[in-house]
Amino acid sequence: MAMLLKSHDAYSIAAQEDRSAQRYPLAISAMLRPSGSSGFQTLVTDLSLSGFAVRAITQMHPGTLCWLTLPGLSGLQAEIVWNDGNTVGCAFATLLNQAVLNSIIDRQAL
């Protein structure tokens, strides 16, 4: 008997599989807005299809929803996965499109 996956479970599996995808170290100024709070400027230091890391000295806890706004894009919903006190790691609610990721990386190289 086949077991159906909830959409969140399917995303979790896909996100873990994509951790083997290339992660791009970079430095892009962006806006991060935690749910129920004001947004703040931050620096994206790592980006992949499934998530990102940003510099943030904050008490945001894993499980908190947030929105990342990169230059030229609308806000991307994510969930905080870890916070070491200086950097916050987040997983996108929906995997980033490969063409969008390529465009961001290409602009970074300019």
PDB file of N, CA and C in Angstrom:
ATOM      1  N   MET A   1       0.843  -1.174   0.000  1.00  0.00           N
ATOM      2  CA  MET A   1       0.000   0.000   0.000  1.00  0.00           C
ATOM      3  C   MET A   1       0.887   1.236   0.000  1.00  0.00           C
ATOM      4  N   ALA A   2       0.688   2.110  -0.977  1.00  0.00           N
ATOM      5  CA  ALA A   2       1.504   3.322  -1.108  1.00  0.00           C
ATOM      6  C   ALA A   2       1.073   4.349  -0.077  1.00  0.00           C
ATOM      7  N   MET A   3       2.055   5.027   0.471  1.00  0.00           N
ATOM      8  CA  MET A   3       1.760   6.057   1.461  1.00  0.00           C
ATOM      9  C   MET A   3       1.848   7.425   0.800  1.00  0.00           C
ATOM     10  N   LEU A   4       0.840   8.249   0.953  1.00  0.00           N
ATOM     11  CA  LEU A   4       0.850   9.587   0.381  1.00  0.00           C
ATOM     12  C   LEU A   4       1.600  10.529   1.311  1.00  0.00           C
ATOM     13  N   LEU A   5       2.422  11.388   0.719  1.00  0.00           N
ATOM     14  CA  LEU A   5       3.155  12.372   1.499  1.00  0.00           C
ATOM     15  C   LEU A   5       2.384  13.680   1.540  1.00  0.00           C
ATOM     16  N   LYS A   6       2.360  14.316   2.679  1.00  0.00           N
ATOM     17  CA  LYS A   6       1.816  15.654   2.770  1.00  0.00           C
ATOM     18  C   LYS A   6       2.773  16.566   2.018  1.00  0.00           C
ATOM     19  N   SER A   7       2.291  17.699   1.523  1.00  0.00           N
ATOM     20  CA  SER A   7       3.156  18.579   0.737  1.00  0.00           C
ATOM     21  C   SER A   7       4.363  19.035   1.552  1.00  0.00           C
ATOM     22  N   HIS A   8       4.206  19.278   2.855  1.00  0.00           N
ATOM     23  CA  HIS A   8       5.338  19.695   3.686  1.00  0.00           C
ATOM     24  C   HIS A   8       6.372  18.579   3.766  1.00  0.00           C
ATOM     25  N   ASP A   9       5.911  17.334   3.895  1.00  0.00           N
ATOM     26  CA  ASP A   9       6.831  16.196   3.947  1.00  0.00           C
ATOM     27  C   ASP A   9       7.588  16.062   2.635  1.00  0.00           C
ATOM     28  N   ALA A  10       6.885  16.242   1.511  1.00  0.00           N
ATOM     29  CA  ALA A  10       7.533  16.141   0.200  1.00  0.00           C
ATOM     30  C   ALA A  10       8.595  17.224   0.067  1.00  0.00           C
ATOM     31  N   TYR A  11       8.287  18.436   0.534  1.00  0.00           N
ATOM     32  CA  TYR A  11       9.278  19.513   0.467  1.00  0.00           C
ATOM     33  C   TYR A  11      10.479  19.184   1.343  1.00  0.00           C
ATOM     34  N   SER A  12      10.239  18.677   2.524  1.00  0.00           N
ATOM     35  CA  SER A  12      11.342  18.342   3.434  1.00  0.00           C
ATOM     36  C   SER A  12      12.289  17.343   2.804  1.00  0.00           C
ATOM     37  N   ILE A  13      11.733  16.352   2.148  1.00  0.00           N
ATOM     38  CA  ILE A  13      12.566  15.348   1.478  1.00  0.00           C
ATOM     39  C   ILE A  13      13.347  15.997   0.340  1.00  0.00           C
ATOM     40  N   ALA A  14      12.670  16.802  -0.477  1.00  0.00           N
ATOM     41  CA  ALA A  14      13.346  17.460  -1.601  1.00  0.00           C
ATOM     42  C   ALA A  14      14.431  18.406  -1.106  1.00  0.00           C
ATOM     43  N   ALA A  15      14.161  19.147  -0.045  1.00  0.00           N
ATOM     44  CA  ALA A  15      15.146  20.086   0.487  1.00  0.00           C
ATOM     45  C   ALA A  15      16.387  19.353   0.976  1.00  0.00           C
ATOM     46  N   GLN A  16      16.215  18.227   1.616  1.00  0.00           N
ATOM     47  CA  GLN A  16      17.363  17.462   2.086  1.00  0.00           C
ATOM     48  C   GLN A  16      18.158  16.903   0.915  1.00  0.00           C
ATOM     49  N   GLU A  17      17.467  16.461  -0.123  1.00  0.00           N
ATOM     50  CA  GLU A  17      18.165  15.972  -1.304  1.00  0.00           C
ATOM     51  C   GLU A  17      18.948  17.097  -1.954  1.00  0.00           C
ATOM     52  N   ASP A  18      18.403  18.303  -1.969  1.00  0.00           N
ATOM     53  CA  ASP A  18      19.053  19.436  -2.611  1.00  0.00           C
ATOM     54  C   ASP A  18      20.210  19.986  -1.794  1.00  0.00           C
ATOM     55  N   ARG A  19      20.417  19.515  -0.578  1.00  0.00           N
ATOM     56  CA  ARG A  19      21.576  19.965   0.193  1.00  0.00           C
ATOM     57  C   ARG A  19      22.861  19.508  -0.479  1.00  0.00           C
ATOM     58  N   SER A  20      22.746  18.513  -1.364  1.00  0.00           N
ATOM     59  CA  SER A  20      23.927  18.090  -2.106  1.00  0.00           C
ATOM     60  C   SER A  20      24.150  18.994  -3.320  1.00  0.00           C
ATOM     61  N   ALA A  21      23.152  19.819  -3.656  1.00  0.00           N
ATOM     62  CA  ALA A  21      23.304  20.780  -4.748  1.00  0.00           C
ATOM     63  C   ALA A  21      24.308  21.840  -4.323  1.00  0.00           C
ATOM     64  N   GLN A  22      24.899  22.464  -5.308  1.00  0.00           N
ATOM     65  CA  GLN A  22      25.917  23.459  -5.018  1.00  0.00           C
ATOM     66  C   GLN A  22      25.353  24.614  -4.198  1.00  0.00           C
ATOM     67  N   ARG A  23      26.099  24.976  -3.166  1.00  0.00           N
ATOM     68  CA  ARG A  23      25.779  26.129  -2.345  1.00  0.00           C
ATOM     69  C   ARG A  23      26.751  27.216  -2.763  1.00  0.00           C
ATOM     70  N   TYR A  24      26.233  28.403  -2.979  1.00  0.00           N
ATOM     71  CA  TYR A  24      27.054  29.496  -3.490  1.00  0.00           C
ATOM     72  C   TYR A  24      27.378  30.495  -2.390  1.00  0.00           C
ATOM     73  N   PRO A  25      28.646  30.598  -2.017  1.00  0.00           N
ATOM     74  CA  PRO A  25      29.025  31.652  -1.082  1.00  0.00           C
ATOM     75  C   PRO A  25      28.992  32.973  -1.847  1.00  0.00           C
ATOM     76  N   LEU A  26      28.406  33.995  -1.256  1.00  0.00           N
ATOM     77  CA  LEU A  26      28.301  35.292  -1.909  1.00  0.00           C
ATOM     78  C   LEU A  26      28.105  36.379  -0.872  1.00  0.00           C
ATOM     79  N   ALA A  27      27.921  37.582  -1.325  1.00  0.00           N
ATOM     80  CA  ALA A  27      27.671  38.709  -0.424  1.00  0.00           C
ATOM     81  C   ALA A  27      26.689  39.639  -1.126  1.00  0.00           C
ATOM     82  N   ILE A  28      25.404  39.455  -0.825  1.00  0.00           N
ATOM     83  CA  ILE A  28      24.347  40.264  -1.431  1.00  0.00           C
ATOM     84  C   ILE A  28      23.550  40.949  -0.326  1.00  0.00           C
ATOM     85  N   SER A  29      23.431  42.254  -0.438  1.00  0.00           N
ATOM     86  CA  SER A  29      22.596  43.004   0.496  1.00  0.00           C
ATOM     87  C   SER A  29      21.134  42.652   0.228  1.00  0.00           C
ATOM     88  N   ALA A  30      20.387  42.399   1.287  1.00  0.00           N
ATOM     89  CA  ALA A  30      18.986  41.999   1.149  1.00  0.00           C
ATOM     90  C   ALA A  30      18.205  42.478   2.369  1.00  0.00           C
ATOM     91  N   MET A  31      16.904  42.286   2.311  1.00  0.00           N
ATOM     92  CA  MET A  31      16.025  42.613   3.431  1.00  0.00           C
ATOM     93  C   MET A  31      15.444  41.311   3.955  1.00  0.00           C
ATOM     94  N   LEU A  32      15.468  41.136   5.276  1.00  0.00           N
ATOM     95  CA  LEU A  32      14.877  39.969   5.923  1.00  0.00           C
ATOM     96  C   LEU A  32      13.793  40.457   6.868  1.00  0.00           C
ATOM     97  N   ARG A  33      12.592  39.891   6.715  1.00  0.00           N
ATOM     98  CA  ARG A  33      11.490  40.289   7.591  1.00  0.00           C
ATOM     99  C   ARG A  33      10.900  39.064   8.264  1.00  0.00           C
ATOM    100  N   PRO A  34      11.141  38.929   9.575  1.00  0.00           N
ATOM    101  CA  PRO A  34      10.512  37.838  10.329  1.00  0.00           C
ATOM    102  C   PRO A  34       9.009  38.088  10.454  1.00  0.00           C
ATOM    103  N   SER A  35       8.237  37.034  10.522  1.00  0.00           N
ATOM    104  CA  SER A  35       6.794  37.145  10.680  1.00  0.00           C
ATOM    105  C   SER A  35       6.452  37.984  11.909  1.00  0.00           C
ATOM    106  N   GLY A  36       5.576  38.966  11.715  1.00  0.00           N
ATOM    107  CA  GLY A  36       5.117  39.804  12.814  1.00  0.00           C
ATOM    108  C   GLY A  36       6.096  40.892  13.234  1.00  0.00           C
ATOM    109  N   SER A  37       7.164  41.086  12.476  1.00  0.00           N
ATOM    110  CA  SER A  37       8.173  42.085  12.823  1.00  0.00           C
ATOM    111  C   SER A  37       8.508  42.950  11.619  1.00  0.00           C
ATOM    112  N   SER A  38       9.250  44.001  11.892  1.00  0.00           N
ATOM    113  CA  SER A  38       9.749  44.850  10.815  1.00  0.00           C
ATOM    114  C   SER A  38      10.937  44.182  10.150  1.00  0.00           C
ATOM    115  N   GLY A  39      11.128  44.484   8.886  1.00  0.00           N
ATOM    116  CA  GLY A  39      12.268  43.955   8.171  1.00  0.00           C
ATOM    117  C   GLY A  39      13.535  44.719   8.508  1.00  0.00           C
ATOM    118  N   PHE A  40      14.671  44.112   8.219  1.00  0.00           N
ATOM    119  CA  PHE A  40      15.954  44.768   8.444  1.00  0.00           C
ATOM    120  C   PHE A  40      16.936  44.369   7.357  1.00  0.00           C
ATOM    121  N   GLN A  41      17.889  45.268   7.094  1.00  0.00           N
ATOM    122  CA  GLN A  41      18.930  44.997   6.111  1.00  0.00           C
ATOM    123  C   GLN A  41      19.850  43.911   6.636  1.00  0.00           C
ATOM    124  N   THR A  42      20.278  43.051   5.741  1.00  0.00           N
ATOM    125  CA  THR A  42      21.182  41.976   6.107  1.00  0.00           C
ATOM    126  C   THR A  42      22.053  41.638   4.911  1.00  0.00           C
ATOM    127  N   LEU A  43      22.959  40.715   5.107  1.00  0.00           N
ATOM    128  CA  LEU A  43      23.855  40.277   4.053  1.00  0.00           C
ATOM    129  C   LEU A  43      23.677  38.779   3.850  1.00  0.00           C
ATOM    130  N   VAL A  44      23.266  38.387   2.636  1.00  0.00           N
ATOM    131  CA  VAL A  44      23.151  36.968   2.301  1.00  0.00           C
ATOM    132  C   VAL A  44      24.561  36.453   2.048  1.00  0.00           C
ATOM    133  N   THR A  45      24.952  35.403   2.757  1.00  0.00           N
ATOM    134  CA  THR A  45      26.316  34.875   2.647  1.00  0.00           C
ATOM    135  C   THR A  45      26.381  33.511   1.965  1.00  0.00           C
ATOM    136  N   ASP A  46      25.219  32.884   1.754  1.00  0.00           N
ATOM    137  CA  ASP A  46      25.160  31.549   1.177  1.00  0.00           C
ATOM    138  C   ASP A  46      23.783  31.388   0.545  1.00  0.00           C
ATOM    139  N   LEU A  47      23.745  30.810  -0.654  1.00  0.00           N
ATOM    140  CA  LEU A  47      22.473  30.644  -1.347  1.00  0.00           C
ATOM    141  C   LEU A  47      22.471  29.322  -2.100  1.00  0.00           C
ATOM    142  N   SER A  48      21.346  28.633  -2.062  1.00  0.00           N
ATOM    143  CA  SER A  48      21.171  27.398  -2.828  1.00  0.00           C
ATOM    144  C   SER A  48      19.719  27.322  -3.272  1.00  0.00           C
ATOM    145  N   LEU A  49      19.376  26.266  -3.980  1.00  0.00           N
ATOM    146  CA  LEU A  49      17.993  26.070  -4.414  1.00  0.00           C
ATOM    147  C   LEU A  49      17.033  25.969  -3.236  1.00  0.00           C
ATOM    148  N   SER A  50      17.512  25.431  -2.120  1.00  0.00           N
ATOM    149  CA  SER A  50      16.612  25.157  -1.004  1.00  0.00           C
ATOM    150  C   SER A  50      16.695  26.147   0.152  1.00  0.00           C
ATOM    151  N   GLY A  51      17.683  27.033   0.158  1.00  0.00           N
ATOM    152  CA  GLY A  51      17.763  27.954   1.283  1.00  0.00           C
ATOM    153  C   GLY A  51      18.911  28.927   1.192  1.00  0.00           C
ATOM    154  N   PHE A  52      19.167  29.572   2.325  1.00  0.00           N
ATOM    155  CA  PHE A  52      20.167  30.629   2.368  1.00  0.00           C
ATOM    156  C   PHE A  52      20.647  30.837   3.797  1.00  0.00           C
ATOM    157  N   ALA A  53      21.742  31.552   3.927  1.00  0.00           N
ATOM    158  CA  ALA A  53      22.234  31.991   5.232  1.00  0.00           C
ATOM    159  C   ALA A  53      22.441  33.495   5.154  1.00  0.00           C
ATOM    160  N   VAL A  54      22.122  34.183   6.239  1.00  0.00           N
ATOM    161  CA  VAL A  54      22.297  35.639   6.312  1.00  0.00           C
ATOM    162  C   VAL A  54      22.959  36.014   7.629  1.00  0.00           C
ATOM    163  N   ARG A  55      23.671  37.122   7.606  1.00  0.00           N
ATOM    164  CA  ARG A  55      24.240  37.668   8.839  1.00  0.00           C
ATOM    165  C   ARG A  55      23.102  38.322   9.605  1.00  0.00           C
ATOM    166  N   ALA A  56      22.926  37.929  10.835  1.00  0.00           N
ATOM    167  CA  ALA A  56      21.852  38.517  11.644  1.00  0.00           C
ATOM    168  C   ALA A  56      22.105  38.228  13.117  1.00  0.00           C
ATOM    169  N   ILE A  57      22.307  39.280  13.866  1.00  0.00           N
ATOM    170  CA  ILE A  57      22.421  39.138  15.315  1.00  0.00           C
ATOM    171  C   ILE A  57      21.013  39.347  15.849  1.00  0.00           C
ATOM    172  N   THR A  58      20.346  38.245  16.103  1.00  0.00           N
ATOM    173  CA  THR A  58      18.937  38.292  16.463  1.00  0.00           C
ATOM    174  C   THR A  58      18.569  37.055  17.277  1.00  0.00           C
ATOM    175  N   GLN A  59      17.465  37.131  17.944  1.00  0.00           N
ATOM    176  CA  GLN A  59      16.975  36.008  18.740  1.00  0.00           C
ATOM    177  C   GLN A  59      15.900  35.210  18.006  1.00  0.00           C
ATOM    178  N   MET A  60      15.848  35.301  16.684  1.00  0.00           N
ATOM    179  CA  MET A  60      14.850  34.540  15.927  1.00  0.00           C
ATOM    180  C   MET A  60      15.105  33.044  16.137  1.00  0.00           C
ATOM    181  N   HIS A  61      14.041  32.309  16.351  1.00  0.00           N
ATOM    182  CA  HIS A  61      14.149  30.894  16.674  1.00  0.00           C
ATOM    183  C   HIS A  61      13.798  30.016  15.477  1.00  0.00           C
ATOM    184  N   PRO A  62      14.357  28.808  15.421  1.00  0.00           N
ATOM    185  CA  PRO A  62      13.969  27.861  14.375  1.00  0.00           C
ATOM    186  C   PRO A  62      12.446  27.688  14.363  1.00  0.00           C
ATOM    187  N   GLY A  63      11.909  27.602  13.147  1.00  0.00           N
ATOM    188  CA  GLY A  63      10.463  27.476  12.977  1.00  0.00           C
ATOM    189  C   GLY A  63       9.791  28.800  12.658  1.00  0.00           C
ATOM    190  N   THR A  64      10.481  29.925  12.887  1.00  0.00           N
ATOM    191  CA  THR A  64       9.920  31.246  12.596  1.00  0.00           C
ATOM    192  C   THR A  64       9.852  31.455  11.089  1.00  0.00           C
ATOM    193  N   LEU A  65       8.690  31.903  10.602  1.00  0.00           N
ATOM    194  CA  LEU A  65       8.559  32.239   9.188  1.00  0.00           C
ATOM    195  C   LEU A  65       9.206  33.590   8.943  1.00  0.00           C
ATOM    196  N   CYS A  66       9.769  33.761   7.742  1.00  0.00           N
ATOM    197  CA  CYS A  66      10.372  35.034   7.378  1.00  0.00           C
ATOM    198  C   CYS A  66      10.298  35.194   5.865  1.00  0.00           C
ATOM    199  N   TRP A  67      10.603  36.402   5.413  1.00  0.00           N
ATOM    200  CA  TRP A  67      10.609  36.699   3.993  1.00  0.00           C
ATOM    201  C   TRP A  67      11.926  37.374   3.659  1.00  0.00           C
ATOM    202  N   LEU A  68      12.600  36.854   2.637  1.00  0.00           N
ATOM    203  CA  LEU A  68      13.851  37.412   2.157  1.00  0.00           C
ATOM    204  C   LEU A  68      13.562  38.153   0.863  1.00  0.00           C
ATOM    205  N   THR A  69      13.981  39.413   0.805  1.00  0.00           N
ATOM    206  CA  THR A  69      13.821  40.188  -0.418  1.00  0.00           C
ATOM    207  C   THR A  69      15.201  40.517  -0.965  1.00  0.00           C
ATOM    208  N   LEU A  70      15.502  39.912  -2.103  1.00  0.00           N
ATOM    209  CA  LEU A  70      16.753  40.153  -2.810  1.00  0.00           C
ATOM    210  C   LEU A  70      16.521  41.238  -3.856  1.00  0.00           C
ATOM    211  N   PRO A  71      17.567  41.964  -4.247  1.00  0.00           N
ATOM    212  CA  PRO A  71      17.402  43.016  -5.267  1.00  0.00           C
ATOM    213  C   PRO A  71      16.743  42.465  -6.533  1.00  0.00           C
ATOM    214  N   GLY A  72      15.689  43.141  -6.975  1.00  0.00           N
ATOM    215  CA  GLY A  72      14.999  42.765  -8.200  1.00  0.00           C
ATOM    216  C   GLY A  72      13.983  41.653  -8.057  1.00  0.00           C
ATOM    217  N   LEU A  73      13.804  41.110  -6.848  1.00  0.00           N
ATOM    218  CA  LEU A  73      12.839  40.032  -6.640  1.00  0.00           C
ATOM    219  C   LEU A  73      11.828  40.419  -5.569  1.00  0.00           C
ATOM    220  N   SER A  74      10.665  39.792  -5.627  1.00  0.00           N
ATOM    221  CA  SER A  74       9.701  39.984  -4.542  1.00  0.00           C
ATOM    222  C   SER A  74      10.130  39.101  -3.370  1.00  0.00           C
ATOM    223  N   GLY A  75       9.491  39.284  -2.227  1.00  0.00           N
ATOM    224  CA  GLY A  75       9.849  38.535  -1.028  1.00  0.00           C
ATOM    225  C   GLY A  75       9.681  37.027  -1.219  1.00  0.00           C
ATOM    226  N   LEU A  76      10.660  36.283  -0.753  1.00  0.00           N
ATOM    227  CA  LEU A  76      10.646  34.820  -0.820  1.00  0.00           C
ATOM    228  C   LEU A  76      10.408  34.270   0.588  1.00  0.00           C
ATOM    229  N   GLN A  77       9.340  33.512   0.755  1.00  0.00           N
ATOM    230  CA  GLN A  77       9.021  32.965   2.071  1.00  0.00           C
ATOM    231  C   GLN A  77       9.992  31.854   2.439  1.00  0.00           C
ATOM    232  N   ALA A  78      10.378  31.854   3.708  1.00  0.00           N
ATOM    233  CA  ALA A  78      11.309  30.842   4.213  1.00  0.00           C
ATOM    234  C   ALA A  78      10.994  30.563   5.676  1.00  0.00           C
ATOM    235  N   GLU A  79      11.666  29.566   6.206  1.00  0.00           N
ATOM    236  CA  GLU A  79      11.545  29.223   7.620  1.00  0.00           C
ATOM    237  C   GLU A  79      12.946  29.137   8.211  1.00  0.00           C
ATOM    238  N   ILE A  80      13.116  29.723   9.382  1.00  0.00           N
ATOM    239  CA  ILE A  80      14.414  29.660  10.036  1.00  0.00           C
ATOM    240  C   ILE A  80      14.669  28.231  10.498  1.00  0.00           C
ATOM    241  N   VAL A  81      15.840  27.711  10.144  1.00  0.00           N
ATOM    242  CA  VAL A  81      16.215  26.352  10.492  1.00  0.00           C
ATOM    243  C   VAL A  81      17.213  26.358  11.643  1.00  0.00           C
ATOM    244  N   TRP A  82      18.127  27.315  11.645  1.00  0.00           N
ATOM    245  CA  TRP A  82      19.114  27.415  12.724  1.00  0.00           C
ATOM    246  C   TRP A  82      19.551  28.866  12.891  1.00  0.00           C
ATOM    247  N   ASN A  83      20.071  29.161  14.070  1.00  0.00           N
ATOM    248  CA  ASN A  83      20.561  30.499  14.402  1.00  0.00           C
ATOM    249  C   ASN A  83      21.711  30.322  15.376  1.00  0.00           C
ATOM    250  N   ASP A  84      22.911  30.726  14.967  1.00  0.00           N
ATOM    251  CA  ASP A  84      24.063  30.574  15.859  1.00  0.00           C
ATOM    252  C   ASP A  84      24.415  31.871  16.593  1.00  0.00           C
ATOM    253  N   GLY A  85      23.532  32.865  16.512  1.00  0.00           N
ATOM    254  CA  GLY A  85      23.761  34.134  17.183  1.00  0.00           C
ATOM    255  C   GLY A  85      24.338  35.205  16.280  1.00  0.00           C
ATOM    256  N   ASN A  86      25.011  34.804  15.198  1.00  0.00           N
ATOM    257  CA  ASN A  86      25.580  35.750  14.228  1.00  0.00           C
ATOM    258  C   ASN A  86      25.054  35.522  12.819  1.00  0.00           C
ATOM    259  N   THR A  87      24.659  34.300  12.544  1.00  0.00           N
ATOM    260  CA  THR A  87      24.175  33.915  11.220  1.00  0.00           C
ATOM    261  C   THR A  87      22.914  33.086  11.395  1.00  0.00           C
ATOM    262  N   VAL A  88      21.967  33.305  10.476  1.00  0.00           N
ATOM    263  CA  VAL A  88      20.706  32.578  10.494  1.00  0.00           C
ATOM    264  C   VAL A  88      20.604  31.772   9.206  1.00  0.00           C
ATOM    265  N   GLY A  89      20.290  30.489   9.329  1.00  0.00           N
ATOM    266  CA  GLY A  89      20.092  29.624   8.168  1.00  0.00           C
ATOM    267  C   GLY A  89      18.616  29.372   7.968  1.00  0.00           C
ATOM    268  N   CYS A  90      18.162  29.499   6.722  1.00  0.00           N
ATOM    269  CA  CYS A  90      16.736  29.368   6.419  1.00  0.00           C
ATOM    270  C   CYS A  90      16.506  28.443   5.233  1.00  0.00           C
ATOM    271  N   ALA A  91      15.338  27.801   5.221  1.00  0.00           N
ATOM    272  CA  ALA A  91      14.902  26.954   4.113  1.00  0.00           C
ATOM    273  C   ALA A  91      13.746  27.644   3.414  1.00  0.00           C
ATOM    274  N   PHE A  92      13.836  27.766   2.093  1.00  0.00           N
ATOM    275  CA  PHE A  92      12.746  28.362   1.329  1.00  0.00           C
ATOM    276  C   PHE A  92      11.486  27.514   1.459  1.00  0.00           C
ATOM    277  N   ALA A  93      10.325  28.176   1.470  1.00  0.00           N
ATOM    278  CA  ALA A  93       9.048  27.464   1.512  1.00  0.00           C
ATOM    279  C   ALA A  93       8.829  26.690   0.215  1.00  0.00           C
ATOM    280  N   THR A  94       9.334  27.229  -0.883  1.00  0.00           N
ATOM    281  CA  THR A  94       9.278  26.594  -2.194  1.00  0.00           C
ATOM    282  C   THR A  94      10.684  26.641  -2.765  1.00  0.00           C
ATOM    283  N   LEU A  95      11.145  25.539  -3.314  1.00  0.00           N
ATOM    284  CA  LEU A  95      12.488  25.536  -3.881  1.00  0.00           C
ATOM    285  C   LEU A  95      12.658  26.674  -4.879  1.00  0.00           C
ATOM    286  N   LEU A  96      13.803  27.315  -4.843  1.00  0.00           N
ATOM    287  CA  LEU A  96      14.118  28.394  -5.762  1.00  0.00           C
ATOM    288  C   LEU A  96      14.255  27.823  -7.165  1.00  0.00           C
ATOM    289  N   ASN A  97      13.721  28.526  -8.131  1.00  0.00           N
ATOM    290  CA  ASN A  97      13.833  28.106  -9.520  1.00  0.00           C
ATOM    291  C   ASN A  97      15.296  28.183  -9.950  1.00  0.00           C
ATOM    292  N   GLN A  98      15.780  27.172 -10.670  1.00  0.00           N
ATOM    293  CA  GLN A  98      17.183  27.135 -11.093  1.00  0.00           C
ATOM    294  C   GLN A  98      17.559  28.356 -11.928  1.00  0.00           C
ATOM    295  N   ALA A  99      16.669  28.819 -12.794  1.00  0.00           N
ATOM    296  CA  ALA A  99      16.951  30.001 -13.629  1.00  0.00           C
ATOM    297  C   ALA A  99      17.100  31.252 -12.762  1.00  0.00           C
ATOM    298  N   VAL A 100      16.298  31.359 -11.717  1.00  0.00           N
ATOM    299  CA  VAL A 100      16.398  32.501 -10.807  1.00  0.00           C
ATOM    300  C   VAL A 100      17.731  32.446 -10.053  1.00  0.00           C
ATOM    301  N   LEU A 101      18.082  31.263  -9.556  1.00  0.00           N
ATOM    302  CA  LEU A 101      19.363  31.104  -8.864  1.00  0.00           C
ATOM    303  C   LEU A 101      20.517  31.465  -9.798  1.00  0.00           C
ATOM    304  N   ASN A 102      20.489  30.975 -11.030  1.00  0.00           N
ATOM    305  CA  ASN A 102      21.546  31.290 -11.992  1.00  0.00           C
ATOM    306  C   ASN A 102      21.649  32.789 -12.234  1.00  0.00           C
ATOM    307  N   SER A 103      20.507  33.460 -12.346  1.00  0.00           N
ATOM    308  CA  SER A 103      20.495  34.903 -12.571  1.00  0.00           C
ATOM    309  C   SER A 103      21.129  35.652 -11.397  1.00  0.00           C
ATOM    310  N   ILE A 104      20.797  35.245 -10.182  1.00  0.00           N
ATOM    311  CA  ILE A 104      21.364  35.881  -8.985  1.00  0.00           C
ATOM    312  C   ILE A 104      22.876  35.697  -8.961  1.00  0.00           C
ATOM    313  N   ILE A 105      23.336  34.480  -9.232  1.00  0.00           N
ATOM    314  CA  ILE A 105      24.770  34.183  -9.233  1.00  0.00           C
ATOM    315  C   ILE A 105      25.470  34.976 -10.332  1.00  0.00           C
ATOM    316  N   ASP A 106      24.869  35.030 -11.528  1.00  0.00           N
ATOM    317  CA  ASP A 106      25.470  35.781 -12.637  1.00  0.00           C
ATOM    318  C   ASP A 106      25.582  37.264 -12.314  1.00  0.00           C
ATOM    319  N   ARG A 107      24.544  37.847 -11.695  1.00  0.00           N
ATOM    320  CA  ARG A 107      24.599  39.267 -11.305  1.00  0.00           C
ATOM    321  C   ARG A 107      25.660  39.510 -10.253  1.00  0.00           C
ATOM    322  N   GLN A 108      25.860  38.538  -9.368  1.00  0.00           N
ATOM    323  CA  GLN A 108      26.852  38.653  -8.306  1.00  0.00           C
ATOM    324  C   GLN A 108      28.253  38.743  -8.898  1.00  0.00           C
ATOM    325  N   ALA A 109      28.471  38.066 -10.017  1.00  0.00           N
ATOM    326  CA  ALA A 109      29.795  38.021 -10.640  1.00  0.00           C
ATOM    327  C   ALA A 109      30.136  39.322 -11.367  1.00  0.00           C
ATOM    328  N   LEU A 110      29.149  40.155 -11.638  1.00  0.00           N
ATOM    329  CA  LEU A 110      29.393  41.411 -12.380  1.00  0.00           C
ATOM    330  C   LEU A 110      30.133  42.429 -11.564  1.00  0.00           C
TER     331      LEU A 110
END
